[in-house]
Amino acid sequence: MQATHELVPPLNHVFVDFENVHHFDASVIGTKSVNFTLLLGAEQTKLDAELVEKLMEHAASVQLIRLTSSGKNALDFALANYVGRAVSTNAHAFIHIISKDKGFDPLIEHLRSRHIHAHRHDSFAELTFSAKPKVAPETPKAVTNAQEEPLIRVLKHLRKNVANRPKKKKTLLSHLKSQLGKGTTDADAAGLLEKLQKAGRIRISDKDDVTYHV
């Protein structure tokens, strides 16, 4: 039986710590299968006109939350609450927190420990939306496992070898090629690297430096 595939982007939830990150890339609002939650501190009373127009244009996919009282970590706790709501609604969604506050990292690690796709980004420049293949019901399980196995194997290897992760794109491509085994082509390695990027597991800078989120 021939396997059929339909690439369906899972829902991405983006939570913006507007108290910490003051620049908002309004161009990303309206992106397919993405919900935005903007959280503002009690003292934040002004928004850019262009951003407001975008929020109104895509009101169905944007939630604006402004805290009524201030306090230490007040916005952090509120953001964590809305993340929990999103996860309880769709455990397979991708969670993105836009904030320079590393205090969210323990929350990210906890979500990942429960097999939830979660990432923190310092800015919108680091934000990438994820998509994963949805396999038709008639696809044999063996075929599905064969397709998923290389990516899973590489992720497990990267998690176990933190100190030896390649720091440059070229080195990482060679590393992926060796991990895939005999008969692997440069195109196969490049394809796997692209999958890692789309899944938000790695980020490659303009200078080809590799940052890992595995």
Protein backbone atom coordinates (compact mmCIF):
# COMPACT_ATOMS: atom_id res chain seq x y z
CA MET A 1 0.00 0.00 0.00
CA GLN A 2 1.39 3.41 -0.96
CA ALA A 3 1.77 5.83 1.91
CA THR A 4 0.07 9.21 1.59
CA HIS A 5 0.99 12.31 3.56
CA GLU A 6 -0.57 15.67 4.21
CA LEU A 7 1.59 18.34 5.81
CA VAL A 8 -0.66 19.99 8.36
CA PRO A 9 0.82 22.67 10.62
CA PRO A 10 -0.12 22.13 14.25
CA LEU A 11 -1.41 25.10 16.19
CA ASN A 12 1.30 27.40 17.51
CA HIS A 13 0.63 29.43 20.65
CA VAL A 14 2.84 32.50 21.04
CA PHE A 15 2.93 34.22 24.42
CA VAL A 16 4.60 37.63 24.44
CA ASP A 17 6.05 39.08 27.65
CA PHE A 18 5.45 42.67 26.50
CA GLU A 19 6.82 43.95 29.79
CA ASN A 20 10.18 42.41 28.91
CA VAL A 21 10.22 42.53 25.09
CA HIS A 22 9.09 45.93 23.85
CA HIS A 23 9.49 45.33 20.12
CA PHE A 24 6.64 43.39 18.52
CA ASP A 25 6.89 42.20 14.92
CA ALA A 26 3.34 42.99 13.74
CA SER A 27 3.98 41.26 10.41
CA VAL A 28 3.72 37.80 12.01
CA ILE A 29 0.15 38.40 13.19
CA GLY A 30 -2.27 36.59 10.92
CA THR A 31 0.11 33.72 10.22
CA LYS A 32 -1.85 30.54 9.57
CA SER A 33 -2.45 28.29 12.60
CA VAL A 34 -0.90 30.72 15.08
CA ASN A 35 -2.57 32.20 18.16
CA PHE A 36 -1.00 35.16 19.95
CA THR A 37 -1.38 36.18 23.58
CA LEU A 38 0.14 39.55 24.46
CA LEU A 39 0.59 40.22 28.14
CA LEU A 40 1.13 43.82 29.30
CA GLY A 41 2.09 45.06 32.74
CA ALA A 42 -0.20 47.30 34.76
CA GLU A 43 1.99 50.31 33.99
CA GLN A 44 1.93 49.79 30.21
CA THR A 45 -0.76 52.08 28.86
CA LYS A 46 0.32 52.73 25.26
CA LEU A 47 0.61 50.57 22.14
CA ASP A 48 1.93 51.40 18.69
CA ALA A 49 -0.89 52.35 16.28
CA GLU A 50 0.29 49.88 13.62
CA LEU A 51 0.25 47.07 16.16
CA VAL A 52 -3.25 48.00 17.31
CA GLU A 53 -4.47 47.93 13.70
CA LYS A 54 -3.01 44.44 13.26
CA LEU A 55 -4.59 43.25 16.50
CA MET A 56 -7.99 44.50 15.38
CA GLU A 57 -7.59 43.00 11.92
CA HIS A 58 -6.88 39.54 13.34
CA ALA A 59 -8.86 39.74 16.58
CA ALA A 60 -9.94 36.10 16.30
CA SER A 61 -6.38 34.84 16.73
CA VAL A 62 -5.04 37.44 19.19
CA GLN A 63 -5.67 37.84 22.90
CA LEU A 64 -4.56 41.00 24.68
CA ILE A 65 -4.09 40.68 28.44
CA ARG A 66 -3.28 43.72 30.58
CA LEU A 67 -2.66 43.10 34.27
CA THR A 68 -4.65 45.34 36.61
CA SER A 69 -2.10 45.22 39.43
CA SER A 70 1.68 45.19 39.51
CA GLY A 71 4.04 43.13 41.62
CA LYS A 72 7.19 41.05 41.42
CA ASN A 73 6.78 38.31 38.77
CA ALA A 74 3.08 39.15 38.44
CA LEU A 75 3.19 39.00 34.64
CA ASP A 76 5.28 35.80 34.73
CA PHE A 77 2.67 33.99 36.78
CA ALA A 78 -0.12 35.23 34.53
CA LEU A 79 1.74 34.09 31.42
CA ALA A 80 2.34 30.65 32.93
CA ASN A 81 -1.39 30.41 33.65
CA TYR A 82 -2.31 31.08 30.02
CA VAL A 83 0.32 28.61 28.83
CA GLY A 84 -1.30 25.97 31.04
CA ARG A 85 -4.70 26.71 29.52
CA ALA A 86 -3.32 26.33 26.00
CA VAL A 87 -1.64 23.03 26.81
CA SER A 88 -4.78 21.64 28.45
CA THR A 89 -6.72 22.48 25.29
CA ASN A 90 -4.20 21.00 22.85
CA ALA A 91 -1.27 19.00 24.24
CA HIS A 92 0.16 18.64 20.72
CA ALA A 93 0.45 22.38 20.09
CA PHE A 94 3.75 24.23 19.92
CA ILE A 95 4.30 26.69 22.76
CA HIS A 96 6.47 29.77 22.17
CA ILE A 97 7.33 32.31 24.87
CA ILE A 98 8.85 35.58 23.65
CA SER A 99 10.85 36.96 26.56
CA LYS A 100 14.45 37.64 27.54
CA ASP A 101 13.59 36.49 31.05
CA LYS A 102 15.42 33.20 31.64
CA GLY A 103 13.14 32.62 34.60
CA PHE A 104 10.77 30.95 32.13
CA ASP A 105 13.34 28.25 31.30
CA PRO A 106 12.33 25.92 34.18
CA LEU A 107 8.75 26.07 32.87
CA ILE A 108 10.00 25.22 29.38
CA GLU A 109 11.99 22.26 30.71
CA HIS A 110 8.98 21.02 32.69
CA LEU A 111 6.76 21.14 29.61
CA ARG A 112 9.36 19.29 27.55
CA SER A 113 9.63 16.62 30.24
CA ARG A 114 5.94 16.01 29.59
CA HIS A 115 6.59 15.72 25.83
CA ILE A 116 5.17 19.15 25.06
CA HIS A 117 6.85 21.22 22.36
CA ALA A 118 7.93 24.42 24.13
CA HIS A 119 10.55 27.08 23.46
CA ARG A 120 11.59 30.47 24.78
CA HIS A 121 12.82 33.09 22.31
CA ASP A 122 14.65 36.29 23.25
CA SER A 123 13.00 38.15 20.36
CA PHE A 124 10.71 37.75 17.37
CA ALA A 125 13.81 37.33 15.19
CA GLU A 126 14.27 33.86 16.73
CA LEU A 127 10.65 32.80 16.27
CA THR A 128 10.04 29.97 13.82
CA PHE A 129 6.74 28.17 13.46
CA SER A 130 6.68 24.40 13.39
CA ALA A 131 4.95 21.86 11.22
CA LYS A 132 5.02 18.10 11.37
CA PRO A 133 3.63 15.49 8.97
CA LYS A 134 0.17 14.13 9.58
CA VAL A 135 0.07 10.58 8.26
CA ALA A 136 -3.12 9.23 6.72
CA PRO A 137 -4.80 6.41 8.70
CA GLU A 138 -4.09 3.85 6.00
CA THR A 139 -0.34 4.39 6.19
CA PRO A 140 1.36 1.29 7.66
CA LYS A 141 2.83 1.85 11.11
CA ALA A 142 6.19 0.50 10.00
CA VAL A 143 6.43 3.20 7.34
CA THR A 144 5.57 5.92 9.83
CA ASN A 145 8.23 4.72 12.28
CA ALA A 146 10.84 4.55 9.54
CA GLN A 147 10.20 8.19 8.64
CA GLU A 148 10.22 9.49 12.20
CA GLU A 149 13.10 7.41 13.50
CA PRO A 150 16.08 9.41 12.04
CA LEU A 151 14.88 12.70 13.55
CA ILE A 152 14.14 11.10 16.92
CA ARG A 153 17.50 9.30 16.94
CA VAL A 154 19.40 12.50 16.19
CA LEU A 155 17.53 14.47 18.87
CA LYS A 156 18.31 11.81 21.48
CA HIS A 157 21.98 11.88 20.46
CA LEU A 158 22.16 15.68 20.71
CA ARG A 159 20.55 15.64 24.14
CA LYS A 160 23.04 13.08 25.45
CA ASN A 161 26.10 14.80 23.99
CA VAL A 162 25.71 18.40 25.09
CA ALA A 163 29.45 19.12 25.20
CA ASN A 164 30.13 17.71 21.72
CA ARG A 165 27.40 19.39 19.71
CA PRO A 166 28.68 20.94 16.46
CA LYS A 167 28.88 24.72 16.71
CA LYS A 168 28.83 25.50 12.98
CA LYS A 169 26.31 24.61 10.26
CA LYS A 170 28.92 22.86 8.07
CA THR A 171 30.10 20.71 10.96
CA LEU A 172 26.52 19.90 11.94
CA LEU A 173 25.72 18.75 8.40
CA SER A 174 28.67 16.35 8.50
CA HIS A 175 27.57 15.19 11.94
CA LEU A 176 24.03 14.51 10.74
CA LYS A 177 25.31 12.63 7.71
CA SER A 178 27.36 10.33 9.93
CA GLN A 179 24.40 9.83 12.28
CA LEU A 180 22.12 8.80 9.42
CA GLY A 181 24.53 6.06 8.45
CA LYS A 182 25.96 4.46 5.32
CA GLY A 183 24.49 5.56 2.01
CA THR A 184 23.36 8.95 3.32
CA THR A 185 23.73 11.80 0.83
CA ASP A 186 24.42 15.50 1.45
CA ALA A 187 20.81 16.15 0.45
CA ASP A 188 19.57 13.73 3.15
CA ALA A 189 21.62 15.55 5.80
CA ALA A 190 20.40 18.94 4.56
CA GLY A 191 16.81 17.70 4.69
CA LEU A 192 17.20 16.55 8.28
CA LEU A 193 18.80 19.88 9.22
CA GLU A 194 15.81 21.68 7.70
CA LYS A 195 13.43 19.51 9.74
CA LEU A 196 15.33 20.40 12.92
CA GLN A 197 15.01 24.09 12.06
CA LYS A 198 11.30 23.90 11.25
CA ALA A 199 10.66 22.05 14.50
CA GLY A 200 12.44 24.81 16.40
CA ARG A 201 15.14 22.43 17.65
CA ILE A 202 18.04 24.43 16.20
CA ARG A 203 18.64 27.99 15.08
CA ILE A 204 21.39 29.01 12.64
CA SER A 205 22.66 32.59 12.68
CA ASP A 206 23.83 34.67 9.72
CA LYS A 207 27.37 33.55 10.57
CA ASP A 208 26.31 29.87 10.53
CA ASP A 209 26.56 29.53 14.31
CA VAL A 210 24.21 26.83 15.65
CA THR A 211 22.04 27.27 18.75
CA TYR A 212 20.25 24.21 20.12
CA HIS A 213 16.78 23.92 21.67
CA VAL A 214 16.54 20.16 22.07
